[in-house]
Amino acid sequence: MFKPFENGTESHAIHDLTLENQEDCVSIYGNLQLTKDRAGLQAAKALQAFLNDVVSALESEPNLPEKIDRQDEQEIENPFL
């Protein structure tokens, strides 16, 4: 797994849930079903560990701004359509 907010080009997947790293943002998107079994527990713990790392990284910032301004992602046309 990557360190949040460092090396802004990394991503990781937990089943169909994607965790994408950028230097000023971490994006989480997709689908994750946490089933009531060992596989669900393992996926839940992986997600929990990642979110704990995000919280720790944010809490360790000495001058964390109230809110940052980010440009909205612009959609690009799919060249394969």
PDB file of N, CA and C in Angstrom:
ATOM      1  N   MET A   1       0.843  -1.173   0.000  1.00  0.00           N
ATOM      2  CA  MET A   1       0.000   0.000   0.000  1.00  0.00           C
ATOM      3  C   MET A   1       0.887   1.234   0.000  1.00  0.00           C
ATOM      4  N   PHE A   2       0.384   2.321  -0.538  1.00  0.00           N
ATOM      5  CA  PHE A   2       1.169   3.547  -0.623  1.00  0.00           C
ATOM      6  C   PHE A   2       0.973   4.434   0.600  1.00  0.00           C
ATOM      7  N   LYS A   3       1.860   5.425   0.735  1.00  0.00           N
ATOM      8  CA  LYS A   3       1.730   6.407   1.795  1.00  0.00           C
ATOM      9  C   LYS A   3       0.860   7.550   1.277  1.00  0.00           C
ATOM     10  N   PRO A   4      -0.207   7.892   1.994  1.00  0.00           N
ATOM     11  CA  PRO A   4      -1.108   8.947   1.522  1.00  0.00           C
ATOM     12  C   PRO A   4      -0.399  10.275   1.305  1.00  0.00           C
ATOM     13  N   PHE A   5      -0.766  10.946   0.234  1.00  0.00           N
ATOM     14  CA  PHE A   5      -0.307  12.290  -0.116  1.00  0.00           C
ATOM     15  C   PHE A   5       1.166  12.346  -0.506  1.00  0.00           C
ATOM     16  N   GLU A   6       1.763  11.209  -0.840  1.00  0.00           N
ATOM     17  CA  GLU A   6       3.148  11.169  -1.328  1.00  0.00           C
ATOM     18  C   GLU A   6       3.161  10.470  -2.682  1.00  0.00           C
ATOM     19  N   ASN A   7       4.091  10.838  -3.536  1.00  0.00           N
ATOM     20  CA  ASN A   7       4.230  10.200  -4.856  1.00  0.00           C
ATOM     21  C   ASN A   7       2.871  10.098  -5.559  1.00  0.00           C
ATOM     22  N   GLY A   8       2.370  11.202  -6.007  1.00  0.00           N
ATOM     23  CA  GLY A   8       1.011  11.328  -6.506  1.00  0.00           C
ATOM     24  C   GLY A   8       0.591  10.505  -7.689  1.00  0.00           C
ATOM     25  N   THR A   9       1.210   9.398  -7.959  1.00  0.00           N
ATOM     26  CA  THR A   9       0.820   8.605  -9.127  1.00  0.00           C
ATOM     27  C   THR A   9       0.470   7.168  -8.775  1.00  0.00           C
ATOM     28  N   GLU A  10       0.309   6.864  -7.512  1.00  0.00           N
ATOM     29  CA  GLU A  10       0.105   5.478  -7.099  1.00  0.00           C
ATOM     30  C   GLU A  10      -1.378   5.183  -6.882  1.00  0.00           C
ATOM     31  N   SER A  11      -1.728   3.918  -7.047  1.00  0.00           N
ATOM     32  CA  SER A  11      -3.076   3.477  -6.707  1.00  0.00           C
ATOM     33  C   SER A  11      -3.008   2.047  -6.191  1.00  0.00           C
ATOM     34  N   HIS A  12      -4.048   1.671  -5.485  1.00  0.00           N
ATOM     35  CA  HIS A  12      -4.132   0.336  -4.908  1.00  0.00           C
ATOM     36  C   HIS A  12      -5.603  -0.072  -4.964  1.00  0.00           C
ATOM     37  N   ALA A  13      -5.853  -1.360  -5.044  1.00  0.00           N
ATOM     38  CA  ALA A  13      -7.227  -1.849  -5.092  1.00  0.00           C
ATOM     39  C   ALA A  13      -7.483  -2.827  -3.956  1.00  0.00           C
ATOM     40  N   ILE A  14      -8.664  -2.713  -3.381  1.00  0.00           N
ATOM     41  CA  ILE A  14      -9.190  -3.713  -2.454  1.00  0.00           C
ATOM     42  C   ILE A  14     -10.438  -4.238  -3.152  1.00  0.00           C
ATOM     43  N   HIS A  15     -10.316  -5.394  -3.753  1.00  0.00           N
ATOM     44  CA  HIS A  15     -11.360  -5.953  -4.624  1.00  0.00           C
ATOM     45  C   HIS A  15     -11.681  -4.931  -5.705  1.00  0.00           C
ATOM     46  N   ASP A  16     -12.916  -4.421  -5.783  1.00  0.00           N
ATOM     47  CA  ASP A  16     -13.281  -3.454  -6.823  1.00  0.00           C
ATOM     48  C   ASP A  16     -13.241  -2.011  -6.329  1.00  0.00           C
ATOM     49  N   LEU A  17     -12.658  -1.774  -5.167  1.00  0.00           N
ATOM     50  CA  LEU A  17     -12.523  -0.426  -4.619  1.00  0.00           C
ATOM     51  C   LEU A  17     -11.123   0.072  -4.939  1.00  0.00           C
ATOM     52  N   THR A  18     -11.043   1.232  -5.567  1.00  0.00           N
ATOM     53  CA  THR A  18      -9.748   1.802  -5.943  1.00  0.00           C
ATOM     54  C   THR A  18      -9.400   2.944  -5.007  1.00  0.00           C
ATOM     55  N   LEU A  19      -8.176   2.928  -4.518  1.00  0.00           N
ATOM     56  CA  LEU A  19      -7.620   3.983  -3.685  1.00  0.00           C
ATOM     57  C   LEU A  19      -6.536   4.651  -4.519  1.00  0.00           C
ATOM     58  N   GLU A  20      -6.720   5.918  -4.836  1.00  0.00           N
ATOM     59  CA  GLU A  20      -5.812   6.611  -5.752  1.00  0.00           C
ATOM     60  C   GLU A  20      -5.136   7.753  -5.013  1.00  0.00           C
ATOM     61  N   ASN A  21      -3.836   7.822  -5.115  1.00  0.00           N
ATOM     62  CA  ASN A  21      -3.026   8.784  -4.379  1.00  0.00           C
ATOM     63  C   ASN A  21      -2.634   9.969  -5.250  1.00  0.00           C
ATOM     64  N   GLN A  22      -2.800  11.152  -4.701  1.00  0.00           N
ATOM     65  CA  GLN A  22      -2.290  12.381  -5.298  1.00  0.00           C
ATOM     66  C   GLN A  22      -1.621  13.155  -4.169  1.00  0.00           C
ATOM     67  N   GLU A  23      -0.886  14.186  -4.508  1.00  0.00           N
ATOM     68  CA  GLU A  23      -0.158  14.905  -3.465  1.00  0.00           C
ATOM     69  C   GLU A  23      -1.062  15.766  -2.597  1.00  0.00           C
ATOM     70  N   ASP A  24      -2.230  16.153  -3.102  1.00  0.00           N
ATOM     71  CA  ASP A  24      -3.135  16.984  -2.310  1.00  0.00           C
ATOM     72  C   ASP A  24      -4.502  16.325  -2.079  1.00  0.00           C
ATOM     73  N   CYS A  25      -4.642  15.071  -2.476  1.00  0.00           N
ATOM     74  CA  CYS A  25      -5.934  14.407  -2.385  1.00  0.00           C
ATOM     75  C   CYS A  25      -5.757  12.895  -2.476  1.00  0.00           C
ATOM     76  N   VAL A  26      -6.605  12.183  -1.773  1.00  0.00           N
ATOM     77  CA  VAL A  26      -6.699  10.734  -1.929  1.00  0.00           C
ATOM     78  C   VAL A  26      -8.122  10.450  -2.391  1.00  0.00           C
ATOM     79  N   SER A  27      -8.265   9.775  -3.509  1.00  0.00           N
ATOM     80  CA  SER A  27      -9.583   9.449  -4.043  1.00  0.00           C
ATOM     81  C   SER A  27      -9.896   7.983  -3.771  1.00  0.00           C
ATOM     82  N   ILE A  28     -11.133   7.740  -3.378  1.00  0.00           N
ATOM     83  CA  ILE A  28     -11.601   6.376  -3.132  1.00  0.00           C
ATOM     84  C   ILE A  28     -12.870   6.196  -3.949  1.00  0.00           C
ATOM     85  N   TYR A  29     -12.853   5.222  -4.837  1.00  0.00           N
ATOM     86  CA  TYR A  29     -14.042   5.005  -5.661  1.00  0.00           C
ATOM     87  C   TYR A  29     -14.153   3.542  -6.051  1.00  0.00           C
ATOM     88  N   GLY A  30     -15.339   3.157  -6.409  1.00  0.00           N
ATOM     89  CA  GLY A  30     -15.575   1.781  -6.814  1.00  0.00           C
ATOM     90  C   GLY A  30     -16.592   1.107  -5.923  1.00  0.00           C
ATOM     91  N   ASN A  31     -16.433  -0.188  -5.755  1.00  0.00           N
ATOM     92  CA  ASN A  31     -17.395  -0.991  -5.016  1.00  0.00           C
ATOM     93  C   ASN A  31     -16.639  -1.968  -4.127  1.00  0.00           C
ATOM     94  N   LEU A  32     -17.077  -2.075  -2.884  1.00  0.00           N
ATOM     95  CA  LEU A  32     -16.491  -3.045  -1.963  1.00  0.00           C
ATOM     96  C   LEU A  32     -17.605  -3.623  -1.118  1.00  0.00           C
ATOM     97  N   GLN A  33     -17.773  -4.913  -1.188  1.00  0.00           N
ATOM     98  CA  GLN A  33     -18.744  -5.595  -0.345  1.00  0.00           C
ATOM     99  C   GLN A  33     -17.983  -6.304   0.764  1.00  0.00           C
ATOM    100  N   LEU A  34     -18.316  -5.943   1.983  1.00  0.00           N
ATOM    101  CA  LEU A  34     -17.678  -6.561   3.141  1.00  0.00           C
ATOM    102  C   LEU A  34     -18.586  -7.690   3.621  1.00  0.00           C
ATOM    103  N   THR A  35     -18.233  -8.890   3.243  1.00  0.00           N
ATOM    104  CA  THR A  35     -19.036 -10.054   3.573  1.00  0.00           C
ATOM    105  C   THR A  35     -18.725 -10.534   4.989  1.00  0.00           C
ATOM    106  N   LYS A  36     -19.676 -11.240   5.578  1.00  0.00           N
ATOM    107  CA  LYS A  36     -19.526 -11.714   6.952  1.00  0.00           C
ATOM    108  C   LYS A  36     -18.773 -13.046   6.955  1.00  0.00           C
ATOM    109  N   ASP A  37     -17.488 -12.953   6.584  1.00  0.00           N
ATOM    110  CA  ASP A  37     -16.615 -14.123   6.526  1.00  0.00           C
ATOM    111  C   ASP A  37     -15.173 -13.645   6.653  1.00  0.00           C
ATOM    112  N   ARG A  38     -14.237 -14.562   6.552  1.00  0.00           N
ATOM    113  CA  ARG A  38     -12.823 -14.184   6.707  1.00  0.00           C
ATOM    114  C   ARG A  38     -12.352 -13.249   5.594  1.00  0.00           C
ATOM    115  N   ALA A  39     -12.858 -13.464   4.389  1.00  0.00           N
ATOM    116  CA  ALA A  39     -12.473 -12.576   3.278  1.00  0.00           C
ATOM    117  C   ALA A  39     -12.982 -11.162   3.532  1.00  0.00           C
ATOM    118  N   GLY A  40     -14.188 -11.030   4.050  1.00  0.00           N
ATOM    119  CA  GLY A  40     -14.737  -9.717   4.383  1.00  0.00           C
ATOM    120  C   GLY A  40     -13.952  -9.045   5.489  1.00  0.00           C
ATOM    121  N   LEU A  41     -13.558  -9.829   6.485  1.00  0.00           N
ATOM    122  CA  LEU A  41     -12.744  -9.289   7.576  1.00  0.00           C
ATOM    123  C   LEU A  41     -11.406  -8.795   7.054  1.00  0.00           C
ATOM    124  N   GLN A  42     -10.792  -9.558   6.179  1.00  0.00           N
ATOM    125  CA  GLN A  42      -9.498  -9.158   5.615  1.00  0.00           C
ATOM    126  C   GLN A  42      -9.633  -7.867   4.813  1.00  0.00           C
ATOM    127  N   ALA A  43     -10.673  -7.757   4.002  1.00  0.00           N
ATOM    128  CA  ALA A  43     -10.892  -6.535   3.213  1.00  0.00           C
ATOM    129  C   ALA A  43     -11.177  -5.353   4.130  1.00  0.00           C
ATOM    130  N   ALA A  44     -11.976  -5.571   5.174  1.00  0.00           N
ATOM    131  CA  ALA A  44     -12.295  -4.491   6.109  1.00  0.00           C
ATOM    132  C   ALA A  44     -11.044  -3.993   6.828  1.00  0.00           C
ATOM    133  N   LYS A  45     -10.186  -4.915   7.214  1.00  0.00           N
ATOM    134  CA  LYS A  45      -8.950  -4.521   7.895  1.00  0.00           C
ATOM    135  C   LYS A  45      -8.007  -3.770   6.959  1.00  0.00           C
ATOM    136  N   ALA A  46      -7.963  -4.157   5.694  1.00  0.00           N
ATOM    137  CA  ALA A  46      -7.127  -3.444   4.723  1.00  0.00           C
ATOM    138  C   ALA A  46      -7.627  -2.012   4.544  1.00  0.00           C
ATOM    139  N   LEU A  47      -8.945  -1.849   4.429  1.00  0.00           N
ATOM    140  CA  LEU A  47      -9.526  -0.507   4.289  1.00  0.00           C
ATOM    141  C   LEU A  47      -9.296   0.304   5.555  1.00  0.00           C
ATOM    142  N   GLN A  48      -9.490  -0.306   6.701  1.00  0.00           N
ATOM    143  CA  GLN A  48      -9.273   0.381   7.977  1.00  0.00           C
ATOM    144  C   GLN A  48      -7.827   0.851   8.111  1.00  0.00           C
ATOM    145  N   ALA A  49      -6.880  -0.007   7.769  1.00  0.00           N
ATOM    146  CA  ALA A  49      -5.465   0.354   7.863  1.00  0.00           C
ATOM    147  C   ALA A  49      -5.148   1.537   6.952  1.00  0.00           C
ATOM    148  N   PHE A  50      -5.711   1.510   5.737  1.00  0.00           N
ATOM    149  CA  PHE A  50      -5.457   2.610   4.816  1.00  0.00           C
ATOM    150  C   PHE A  50      -6.043   3.909   5.354  1.00  0.00           C
ATOM    151  N   LEU A  51      -7.288   3.866   5.824  1.00  0.00           N
ATOM    152  CA  LEU A  51      -7.919   5.087   6.347  1.00  0.00           C
ATOM    153  C   LEU A  51      -7.199   5.590   7.595  1.00  0.00           C
ATOM    154  N   ASN A  52      -6.698   4.688   8.421  1.00  0.00           N
ATOM    155  CA  ASN A  52      -5.904   5.107   9.576  1.00  0.00           C
ATOM    156  C   ASN A  52      -4.639   5.827   9.125  1.00  0.00           C
ATOM    157  N   ASP A  53      -4.013   5.359   8.049  1.00  0.00           N
ATOM    158  CA  ASP A  53      -2.824   6.030   7.498  1.00  0.00           C
ATOM    159  C   ASP A  53      -3.177   7.420   6.975  1.00  0.00           C
ATOM    160  N   VAL A  54      -4.329   7.551   6.326  1.00  0.00           N
ATOM    161  CA  VAL A  54      -4.771   8.866   5.826  1.00  0.00           C
ATOM    162  C   VAL A  54      -4.975   9.821   6.992  1.00  0.00           C
ATOM    163  N   VAL A  55      -5.684   9.377   8.027  1.00  0.00           N
ATOM    164  CA  VAL A  55      -5.931  10.223   9.199  1.00  0.00           C
ATOM    165  C   VAL A  55      -4.613  10.618   9.861  1.00  0.00           C
ATOM    166  N   SER A  56      -3.700   9.689  10.011  1.00  0.00           N
ATOM    167  CA  SER A  56      -2.398   9.991  10.627  1.00  0.00           C
ATOM    168  C   SER A  56      -1.621  11.016   9.805  1.00  0.00           C
ATOM    169  N   ALA A  57      -1.645  10.854   8.484  1.00  0.00           N
ATOM    170  CA  ALA A  57      -0.941  11.805   7.618  1.00  0.00           C
ATOM    171  C   ALA A  57      -1.537  13.204   7.750  1.00  0.00           C
ATOM    172  N   LEU A  58      -2.857  13.292   7.806  1.00  0.00           N
ATOM    173  CA  LEU A  58      -3.505  14.598   7.943  1.00  0.00           C
ATOM    174  C   LEU A  58      -3.232  15.213   9.316  1.00  0.00           C
ATOM    175  N   GLU A  59      -3.286  14.405  10.363  1.00  0.00           N
ATOM    176  CA  GLU A  59      -3.045  14.907  11.715  1.00  0.00           C
ATOM    177  C   GLU A  59      -1.599  15.347  11.920  1.00  0.00           C
ATOM    178  N   SER A  60      -0.676  14.793  11.152  1.00  0.00           N
ATOM    179  CA  SER A  60       0.732  15.146  11.326  1.00  0.00           C
ATOM    180  C   SER A  60       1.125  16.416  10.580  1.00  0.00           C
ATOM    181  N   GLU A  61       0.230  16.954   9.749  1.00  0.00           N
ATOM    182  CA  GLU A  61       0.520  18.196   9.020  1.00  0.00           C
ATOM    183  C   GLU A  61       0.488  19.368   9.994  1.00  0.00           C
ATOM    184  N   PRO A  62       1.592  20.107  10.144  1.00  0.00           N
ATOM    185  CA  PRO A  62       1.624  21.203  11.121  1.00  0.00           C
ATOM    186  C   PRO A  62       0.742  22.392  10.726  1.00  0.00           C
ATOM    187  N   ASN A  63       0.619  22.657   9.444  1.00  0.00           N
ATOM    188  CA  ASN A  63      -0.155  23.815   8.982  1.00  0.00           C
ATOM    189  C   ASN A  63      -1.259  23.374   8.034  1.00  0.00           C
ATOM    190  N   LEU A  64      -2.103  22.494   8.492  1.00  0.00           N
ATOM    191  CA  LEU A  64      -3.188  21.975   7.662  1.00  0.00           C
ATOM    192  C   LEU A  64      -4.199  23.086   7.406  1.00  0.00           C
ATOM    193  N   PRO A  65      -4.419  23.445   6.134  1.00  0.00           N
ATOM    194  CA  PRO A  65      -5.375  24.520   5.840  1.00  0.00           C
ATOM    195  C   PRO A  65      -6.808  24.078   6.121  1.00  0.00           C
ATOM    196  N   GLU A  66      -7.680  25.052   6.279  1.00  0.00           N
ATOM    197  CA  GLU A  66      -9.101  24.761   6.493  1.00  0.00           C
ATOM    198  C   GLU A  66      -9.690  24.042   5.290  1.00  0.00           C
ATOM    199  N   LYS A  67      -9.351  24.506   4.085  1.00  0.00           N
ATOM    200  CA  LYS A  67      -9.840  23.897   2.844  1.00  0.00           C
ATOM    201  C   LYS A  67      -8.906  24.308   1.716  1.00  0.00           C
ATOM    202  N   ILE A  68      -8.609  23.375   0.825  1.00  0.00           N
ATOM    203  CA  ILE A  68      -7.789  23.723  -0.331  1.00  0.00           C
ATOM    204  C   ILE A  68      -8.690  23.887  -1.546  1.00  0.00           C
ATOM    205  N   ASP A  69      -8.236  24.687  -2.476  1.00  0.00           N
ATOM    206  CA  ASP A  69      -8.961  24.865  -3.731  1.00  0.00           C
ATOM    207  C   ASP A  69      -8.406  23.884  -4.745  1.00  0.00           C
ATOM    208  N   ARG A  70      -9.285  23.046  -5.273  1.00  0.00           N
ATOM    209  CA  ARG A  70      -8.886  22.080  -6.299  1.00  0.00           C
ATOM    210  C   ARG A  70      -9.733  22.319  -7.530  1.00  0.00           C
ATOM    211  N   GLN A  71      -9.097  22.227  -8.678  1.00  0.00           N
ATOM    212  CA  GLN A  71      -9.844  22.328  -9.923  1.00  0.00           C
ATOM    213  C   GLN A  71     -10.610  21.039 -10.135  1.00  0.00           C
ATOM    214  N   ASP A  72     -11.841  21.167 -10.610  1.00  0.00           N
ATOM    215  CA  ASP A  72     -12.620  19.978 -10.915  1.00  0.00           C
ATOM    216  C   ASP A  72     -11.963  19.220 -12.057  1.00  0.00           C
ATOM    217  N   GLU A  73     -12.009  17.907 -11.940  1.00  0.00           N
ATOM    218  CA  GLU A  73     -11.482  17.069 -13.013  1.00  0.00           C
ATOM    219  C   GLU A  73     -12.338  17.274 -14.253  1.00  0.00           C
ATOM    220  N   GLN A  74     -11.696  17.436 -15.378  1.00  0.00           N
ATOM    221  CA  GLN A  74     -12.429  17.603 -16.627  1.00  0.00           C
ATOM    222  C   GLN A  74     -12.490  16.273 -17.351  1.00  0.00           C
ATOM    223  N   GLU A  75     -13.671  15.965 -17.847  1.00  0.00           N
ATOM    224  CA  GLU A  75     -13.812  14.731 -18.605  1.00  0.00           C
ATOM    225  C   GLU A  75     -13.176  14.911 -19.973  1.00  0.00           C
ATOM    226  N   ILE A  76     -12.550  13.855 -20.444  1.00  0.00           N
ATOM    227  CA  ILE A  76     -11.996  13.872 -21.786  1.00  0.00           C
ATOM    228  C   ILE A  76     -12.742  12.841 -22.626  1.00  0.00           C
ATOM    229  N   GLU A  77     -12.795  13.086 -23.894  1.00  0.00           N
ATOM    230  CA  GLU A  77     -13.501  12.174 -24.776  1.00  0.00           C
ATOM    231  C   GLU A  77     -12.745  10.857 -24.893  1.00  0.00           C
ATOM    232  N   ASN A  78     -13.493   9.792 -24.912  1.00  0.00           N
ATOM    233  CA  ASN A  78     -12.898   8.471 -25.058  1.00  0.00           C
ATOM    234  C   ASN A  78     -12.488   8.279 -26.504  1.00  0.00           C
ATOM    235  N   PRO A  79     -11.199   8.083 -26.774  1.00  0.00           N
ATOM    236  CA  PRO A  79     -10.741   7.947 -28.159  1.00  0.00           C
ATOM    237  C   PRO A  79     -11.143   6.606 -28.795  1.00  0.00           C
ATOM    238  N   PHE A  80     -11.649   5.687 -27.981  1.00  0.00           N
ATOM    239  CA  PHE A  80     -11.996   4.374 -28.497  1.00  0.00           C
ATOM    240  C   PHE A  80     -13.472   4.263 -28.894  1.00  0.00           C
ATOM    241  N   LEU A  81     -14.238   5.310 -28.685  1.00  0.00           N
ATOM    242  CA  LEU A  81     -15.656   5.277 -29.065  1.00  0.00           C
ATOM    243  C   LEU A  81     -15.871   5.875 -30.430  1.00  0.00           C
TER     244      LEU A  81
END
